[in-house]
C-alpha atoms as a PDB file:
ATOM      1  CA  MET A   1     -17.709  38.853  21.781  1.00  0.00           C
ATOM      2  CA  LYS A   2     -18.867  36.158  19.342  1.00  0.00           C
ATOM      3  CA  LEU A   3     -16.491  34.680  16.802  1.00  0.00           C
ATOM      4  CA  PHE A   4     -16.950  32.268  13.965  1.00  0.00           C
ATOM      5  CA  VAL A   5     -14.255  29.643  14.133  1.00  0.00           C
ATOM      6  CA  PHE A   6     -13.240  27.302  11.320  1.00  0.00           C
ATOM      7  CA  PHE A   7     -11.414  24.068  12.126  1.00  0.00           C
ATOM      8  CA  VAL A   8      -9.783  21.676   9.703  1.00  0.00           C
ATOM      9  CA  SER A   9      -8.878  18.139  10.685  1.00  0.00           C
ATOM     10  CA  PHE A  10      -8.039  14.993   8.706  1.00  0.00           C
ATOM     11  CA  GLY A  11     -10.681  15.153   6.011  1.00  0.00           C
ATOM     12  CA  GLY A  12     -13.376  16.676   8.213  1.00  0.00           C
ATOM     13  CA  LEU A  13     -14.602  20.235   8.640  1.00  0.00           C
ATOM     14  CA  VAL A  14     -16.187  21.758  11.727  1.00  0.00           C
ATOM     15  CA  TRP A  15     -17.932  25.108  11.746  1.00  0.00           C
ATOM     16  CA  CYS A  16     -18.503  26.431  15.257  1.00  0.00           C
ATOM     17  CA  ARG A  17     -21.145  29.071  15.012  1.00  0.00           C
ATOM     18  CA  GLY A  18     -21.436  31.700  17.670  1.00  0.00           C
ATOM     19  CA  LEU A  19     -18.859  30.215  20.041  1.00  0.00           C
ATOM     20  CA  VAL A  20     -18.191  32.793  22.719  1.00  0.00           C
ATOM     21  CA  LEU A  21     -14.411  32.640  22.907  1.00  0.00           C
ATOM     22  CA  GLY A  22     -13.743  36.011  24.470  1.00  0.00           C
ATOM     23  CA  THR A  23     -15.403  35.098  27.771  1.00  0.00           C
ATOM     24  CA  MET A  24     -13.811  31.640  28.150  1.00  0.00           C
ATOM     25  CA  PRO A  25     -10.553  31.171  30.034  1.00  0.00           C
ATOM     26  CA  ARG A  26      -7.642  30.157  27.844  1.00  0.00           C
ATOM     27  CA  MET A  27      -7.408  26.512  29.023  1.00  0.00           C
ATOM     28  CA  ARG A  28     -11.150  25.936  28.514  1.00  0.00           C
ATOM     29  CA  ARG A  29     -10.902  27.463  25.076  1.00  0.00           C
ATOM     30  CA  LEU A  30      -8.011  25.146  24.125  1.00  0.00           C
ATOM     31  CA  LEU A  31      -9.867  22.185  25.582  1.00  0.00           C
ATOM     32  CA  ALA A  32     -13.008  23.072  23.593  1.00  0.00           C
ATOM     33  CA  ILE A  33     -10.985  23.343  20.406  1.00  0.00           C
ATOM     34  CA  ALA A  34      -9.242  19.998  21.090  1.00  0.00           C
ATOM     35  CA  VAL A  35     -12.564  18.250  21.777  1.00  0.00           C
ATOM     36  CA  LEU A  36     -14.072  19.642  18.572  1.00  0.00           C
ATOM     37  CA  LEU A  37     -11.076  18.465  16.556  1.00  0.00           C
ATOM     38  CA  LEU A  38     -11.167  15.005  18.105  1.00  0.00           C
ATOM     39  CA  LEU A  39     -14.905  14.640  17.543  1.00  0.00           C
ATOM     40  CA  THR A  40     -14.631  15.571  13.886  1.00  0.00           C
ATOM     41  CA  PRO A  41     -15.259  12.399  11.912  1.00  0.00           C
ATOM     42  CA  THR A  42     -12.497  11.374   9.559  1.00  0.00           C
ATOM     43  CA  PRO A  43     -13.471   9.183   6.654  1.00  0.00           C
ATOM     44  CA  ALA A  44     -11.555   5.949   6.284  1.00  0.00           C
ATOM     45  CA  PHE A  45     -11.136   4.904   2.684  1.00  0.00           C
ATOM     46  CA  ALA A  46     -10.507   1.416   1.401  1.00  0.00           C
ATOM     47  CA  ASP A  47      -9.495   0.053  -1.949  1.00  0.00           C
ATOM     48  CA  LEU A  48      -9.166  -3.269  -3.704  1.00  0.00           C
ATOM     49  CA  THR A  49      -6.637  -4.009  -6.461  1.00  0.00           C
ATOM     50  CA  ALA A  50      -6.378  -6.969  -8.838  1.00  0.00           C
ATOM     51  CA  PHE A  51      -3.105  -6.937 -10.750  1.00  0.00           C
ATOM     52  CA  LEU A  52      -0.962  -8.558 -13.438  1.00  0.00           C
ATOM     53  CA  GLY A  53       2.742  -7.957 -13.680  1.00  0.00           C
ATOM     54  CA  ARG A  54       6.276  -9.248 -14.162  1.00  0.00           C
ATOM     55  CA  THR A  55       8.882 -10.397 -11.677  1.00  0.00           C
ATOM     56  CA  THR A  56      12.236  -9.777 -13.330  1.00  0.00           C
ATOM     57  CA  THR A  57      14.634 -11.721 -11.099  1.00  0.00           C
ATOM     58  CA  PRO A  58      16.396 -13.797 -12.473  1.00  0.00           C
ATOM     59  CA  SER A  59      14.211 -13.865 -15.609  1.00  0.00           C
ATOM     60  CA  GLY A  60      10.938 -12.212 -16.597  1.00  0.00           C
ATOM     61  CA  ARG A  61       8.006 -14.241 -15.236  1.00  0.00           C
ATOM     62  CA  ASN A  62       4.296 -13.547 -14.964  1.00  0.00           C
ATOM     63  CA  ALA A  63       2.961 -12.371 -11.625  1.00  0.00           C
ATOM     64  CA  ARG A  64      -0.636 -11.889 -10.528  1.00  0.00           C
ATOM     65  CA  GLY A  65      -2.377 -11.128  -7.287  1.00  0.00           C
ATOM     66  CA  PHE A  66      -4.539  -8.775  -5.294  1.00  0.00           C
ATOM     67  CA  ALA A  67      -4.239  -6.147  -2.591  1.00  0.00           C
ATOM     68  CA  ILE A  68      -6.782  -4.750  -0.160  1.00  0.00           C
ATOM     69  CA  GLY A  69      -6.058  -1.676   1.874  1.00  0.00           C
ATOM     70  CA  THR A  70      -7.387   1.143   3.962  1.00  0.00           C
ATOM     71  CA  GLY A  71      -6.089   4.587   4.680  1.00  0.00           C
ATOM     72  CA  LEU A  72      -6.603   7.936   6.256  1.00  0.00           C
ATOM     73  CA  LEU A  73      -5.310  11.154   4.788  1.00  0.00           C
ATOM     74  CA  ILE A  74      -1.668  10.301   4.100  1.00  0.00           C
ATOM     75  CA  VAL A  75      -1.148   7.007   5.943  1.00  0.00           C
ATOM     76  CA  GLY A  76      -2.458   3.685   4.673  1.00  0.00           C
ATOM     77  CA  PHE A  77      -2.165  -0.043   5.316  1.00  0.00           C
ATOM     78  CA  GLU A  78      -2.645  -2.968   2.968  1.00  0.00           C
ATOM     79  CA  PHE A  79      -2.430  -6.723   2.641  1.00  0.00           C
ATOM     80  CA  GLU A  80      -1.058  -8.021  -0.637  1.00  0.00           C
ATOM     81  CA  TYR A  81      -0.959 -11.521  -2.106  1.00  0.00           C
ATOM     82  CA  SER A  82       1.142 -12.243  -5.182  1.00  0.00           C
ATOM     83  CA  ASN A  83       1.918 -15.405  -7.150  1.00  0.00           C
ATOM     84  CA  THR A  84       4.858 -15.427  -9.568  1.00  0.00           C
ATOM     85  CA  ASP A  85       5.106 -18.322 -12.042  1.00  0.00           C
ATOM     86  CA  GLU A  86       8.235 -20.431 -12.339  1.00  0.00           C
ATOM     87  CA  ASP A  87      10.297 -20.391 -15.519  1.00  0.00           C
ATOM     88  CA  LEU A  88      11.763 -23.740 -16.549  1.00  0.00           C
ATOM     89  CA  GLU A  89      13.029 -22.525 -19.922  1.00  0.00           C
ATOM     90  CA  VAL A  90      16.167 -20.782 -18.672  1.00  0.00           C
ATOM     91  CA  LEU A  91      19.847 -21.280 -19.372  1.00  0.00           C
ATOM     92  CA  PRO A  92      21.498 -24.086 -17.403  1.00  0.00           C
ATOM     93  CA  GLY A  93      23.010 -23.134 -14.073  1.00  0.00           C
ATOM     94  CA  LEU A  94      21.811 -22.549 -10.540  1.00  0.00           C
ATOM     95  CA  GLU A  95      21.941 -18.757 -10.912  1.00  0.00           C
ATOM     96  CA  ASN A  96      19.362 -18.932 -13.732  1.00  0.00           C
ATOM     97  CA  VAL A  97      16.759 -21.067 -11.902  1.00  0.00           C
ATOM     98  CA  ALA A  98      13.508 -19.112 -11.719  1.00  0.00           C
ATOM     99  CA  PRO A  99      11.209 -20.620  -9.063  1.00  0.00           C
ATOM    100  CA  SER A 100       7.573 -19.917  -8.313  1.00  0.00           C
ATOM    101  CA  ILE A 101       7.173 -17.409  -5.474  1.00  0.00           C
ATOM    102  CA  LYS A 102       4.050 -16.668  -3.445  1.00  0.00           C
ATOM    103  CA  THR A 103       4.170 -13.631  -1.163  1.00  0.00           C
ATOM    104  CA  TYR A 104       1.824 -12.609   1.638  1.00  0.00           C
ATOM    105  CA  MET A 105       2.806  -9.082   2.658  1.00  0.00           C
ATOM    106  CA  PHE A 106       1.469  -6.482   5.084  1.00  0.00           C
ATOM    107  CA  ASN A 107       2.504  -2.966   4.088  1.00  0.00           C
ATOM    108  CA  GLY A 108       2.368   0.590   5.325  1.00  0.00           C
ATOM    109  CA  LEU A 109       1.882   3.381   2.789  1.00  0.00           C
ATOM    110  CA  LEU A 110       2.598   7.100   2.763  1.00  0.00           C
ATOM    111  CA  GLN A 111       0.603   8.781   0.008  1.00  0.00           C
ATOM    112  CA  THR A 112      -0.300  12.189  -1.286  1.00  0.00           C
ATOM    113  CA  PRO A 113      -3.484  13.358   0.458  1.00  0.00           C
ATOM    114  CA  VAL A 114      -5.223  14.223  -2.802  1.00  0.00           C
ATOM    115  CA  PRO A 115      -4.615  13.240  -6.425  1.00  0.00           C
ATOM    116  CA  ILE A 116      -2.222  15.451  -8.358  1.00  0.00           C
ATOM    117  CA  ALA A 117      -3.190  15.564 -12.040  1.00  0.00           C
ATOM    118  CA  ARG A 118      -5.512  12.581 -11.375  1.00  0.00           C
ATOM    119  CA  MET A 119      -2.619  10.579  -9.836  1.00  0.00           C
ATOM    120  CA  GLN A 120      -2.183   9.678  -6.169  1.00  0.00           C
ATOM    121  CA  PHE A 121       1.483   8.827  -5.549  1.00  0.00           C
ATOM    122  CA  TYR A 122       2.611   6.574  -2.708  1.00  0.00           C
ATOM    123  CA  GLY A 123       5.613   4.903  -1.166  1.00  0.00           C
ATOM    124  CA  THR A 124       5.352   1.614   0.667  1.00  0.00           C
ATOM    125  CA  ILE A 125       7.333  -0.588   3.017  1.00  0.00           C
ATOM    126  CA  GLY A 126       6.322  -3.837   4.628  1.00  0.00           C
ATOM    127  CA  GLY A 127       6.957  -7.432   5.429  1.00  0.00           C
ATOM    128  CA  GLY A 128       5.428 -10.845   5.566  1.00  0.00           C
ATOM    129  CA  VAL A 129       5.914 -14.423   4.460  1.00  0.00           C
ATOM    130  CA  TYR A 130       6.962 -15.931   1.141  1.00  0.00           C
ATOM    131  CA  HIS A 131       6.930 -19.478  -0.215  1.00  0.00           C
ATOM    132  CA  GLU A 132       9.290 -20.510  -3.007  1.00  0.00           C
ATOM    133  CA  THR A 133       8.939 -23.758  -4.982  1.00  0.00           C
ATOM    134  CA  LEU A 134      10.401 -25.293  -8.103  1.00  0.00           C
ATOM    135  CA  SER A 135       8.623 -28.205  -9.795  1.00  0.00           C
ATOM    136  CA  THR A 136      11.919 -29.832 -10.870  1.00  0.00           C
ATOM    137  CA  ALA A 137      13.094 -29.917  -7.226  1.00  0.00           C
ATOM    138  CA  PRO A 138       9.901 -30.383  -5.162  1.00  0.00           C
ATOM    139  CA  LEU A 139      11.752 -31.361  -1.979  1.00  0.00           C
ATOM    140  CA  ILE A 140      13.753 -28.122  -1.923  1.00  0.00           C
ATOM    141  CA  ASP A 141      11.219 -25.410  -1.199  1.00  0.00           C
ATOM    142  CA  GLU A 142      11.560 -22.448   1.100  1.00  0.00           C
ATOM    143  CA  THR A 143       9.107 -20.677   3.399  1.00  0.00           C
ATOM    144  CA  ASN A 144      10.419 -17.742   5.395  1.00  0.00           C
ATOM    145  CA  PHE A 145      10.055 -14.042   6.106  1.00  0.00           C
ATOM    146  CA  GLY A 146      10.516 -11.330   3.543  1.00  0.00           C
ATOM    147  CA  SER A 147      10.333  -7.563   3.318  1.00  0.00           C
ATOM    148  CA  ASN A 148       9.594  -5.147   0.514  1.00  0.00           C
ATOM    149  CA  VAL A 149       9.943  -1.506  -0.374  1.00  0.00           C
ATOM    150  CA  GLY A 150       8.483   0.296  -3.352  1.00  0.00           C
ATOM    151  CA  GLY A 151       6.147   2.894  -4.692  1.00  0.00           C
ATOM    152  CA  GLY A 152       3.703   3.737  -7.374  1.00  0.00           C
ATOM    153  CA  ALA A 153       0.652   5.702  -8.403  1.00  0.00           C
ATOM    154  CA  LYS A 154      -3.114   5.234  -8.408  1.00  0.00           C
ATOM    155  CA  ILE A 155      -4.450   6.972 -11.516  1.00  0.00           C
ATOM    156  CA  SER A 156      -8.106   8.053 -11.530  1.00  0.00           C
ATOM    157  CA  VAL A 157     -10.081   6.821 -14.540  1.00  0.00           C
ATOM    158  CA  ILE A 158     -13.773   7.378 -13.806  1.00  0.00           C
ATOM    159  CA  GLY A 159     -15.666   7.473 -10.530  1.00  0.00           C
ATOM    160  CA  PRO A 160     -14.132   5.034  -8.036  1.00  0.00           C
ATOM    161  CA  LEU A 161     -12.204   3.127 -10.754  1.00  0.00           C
ATOM    162  CA  ARG A 162      -8.459   3.708 -10.900  1.00  0.00           C
ATOM    163  CA  VAL A 163      -5.418   2.146 -12.556  1.00  0.00           C
ATOM    164  CA  ARG A 164      -2.619   1.243 -10.181  1.00  0.00           C
ATOM    165  CA  VAL A 165       1.029   1.036 -11.254  1.00  0.00           C
ATOM    166  CA  ASP A 166       3.405  -0.407  -8.659  1.00  0.00           C
ATOM    167  CA  TYR A 167       7.101  -1.272  -8.389  1.00  0.00           C
ATOM    168  CA  ARG A 168       8.521  -3.370  -5.528  1.00  0.00           C
ATOM    169  CA  ILE A 169      11.897  -4.706  -4.447  1.00  0.00           C
ATOM    170  CA  PHE A 170      11.649  -7.796  -2.245  1.00  0.00           C
ATOM    171  CA  SER A 171      14.310  -8.961   0.184  1.00  0.00           C
ATOM    172  CA  LEU A 172      13.827 -12.650   1.004  1.00  0.00           C
ATOM    173  CA  ARG A 173      15.273 -14.147   4.218  1.00  0.00           C
ATOM    174  CA  GLY A 174      16.374 -17.717   4.753  1.00  0.00           C
ATOM    175  CA  THR A 175      17.905 -19.645   1.856  1.00  0.00           C
ATOM    176  CA  PRO A 176      15.924 -18.675  -1.242  1.00  0.00           C
ATOM    177  CA  ARG A 177      17.425 -19.252  -4.669  1.00  0.00           C
ATOM    178  CA  HIS A 178      17.538 -15.458  -5.138  1.00  0.00           C
ATOM    179  CA  THR A 179      17.585 -13.142  -2.104  1.00  0.00           C
ATOM    180  CA  ASN A 180      16.291 -10.066  -3.949  1.00  0.00           C
ATOM    181  CA  ALA A 181      13.450  -9.912  -6.437  1.00  0.00           C
ATOM    182  CA  GLN A 182      11.922  -7.020  -8.351  1.00  0.00           C
ATOM    183  CA  ARG A 183       8.335  -6.801  -9.542  1.00  0.00           C
ATOM    184  CA  LEU A 184       6.403  -4.313 -11.656  1.00  0.00           C
ATOM    185  CA  TYR A 185       2.637  -4.548 -12.017  1.00  0.00           C
ATOM    186  CA  ILE A 186      -0.393  -2.769 -13.357  1.00  0.00           C
ATOM    187  CA  GLY A 187      -3.822  -3.374 -11.915  1.00  0.00           C
ATOM    188  CA  ALA A 188      -7.437  -2.321 -11.693  1.00  0.00           C
ATOM    189  CA  ASN A 189      -8.113  -0.500  -8.443  1.00  0.00           C
ATOM    190  CA  LEU A 190     -11.576   0.084  -6.954  1.00  0.00           C
ATOM    191  CA  LYS A 191     -11.889   2.756  -4.276  1.00  0.00           C
ATOM    192  CA  PHE A 192     -14.760   2.404  -1.786  1.00  0.00           C
END
């Protein structure tokens, strides 16, 4: 007895034509199916984002940076660099000091497998290193570990070009001037 079998795996399709399943023992049949699923190629996608945004803790300051990532169907990984400017025009007091912060973060992403209404939503969590400096106190800078959690959307524009909107909450270890920072950005995203 010949059957046509259709397999679906992460992004790949396999069409097994004329596979004689009725005459194969059950274990061989399961093994054949497993081998076909494992041999199905799954495309790995990558993207590059250049962004501008605002870090809002303790005052609104410009942020800019880039991210490069790769992903399978719903799981992705990225490296992100961000540089937030310092703000010296704040009210007096230690709680108002707004230092420059550079972050170097490695993140994991969970994302929708396909765009929904031209938007691919994602959540992210990760960690890395940050460096905080203030030009009025150059001897008191901080380099330590940090973590972040956030989410956003990659909105399809045309072809591989997308707009990325992202919100993150950073938790900075060590003795930074502010242990938590929030950032919102918008960027140009190129999918390849």
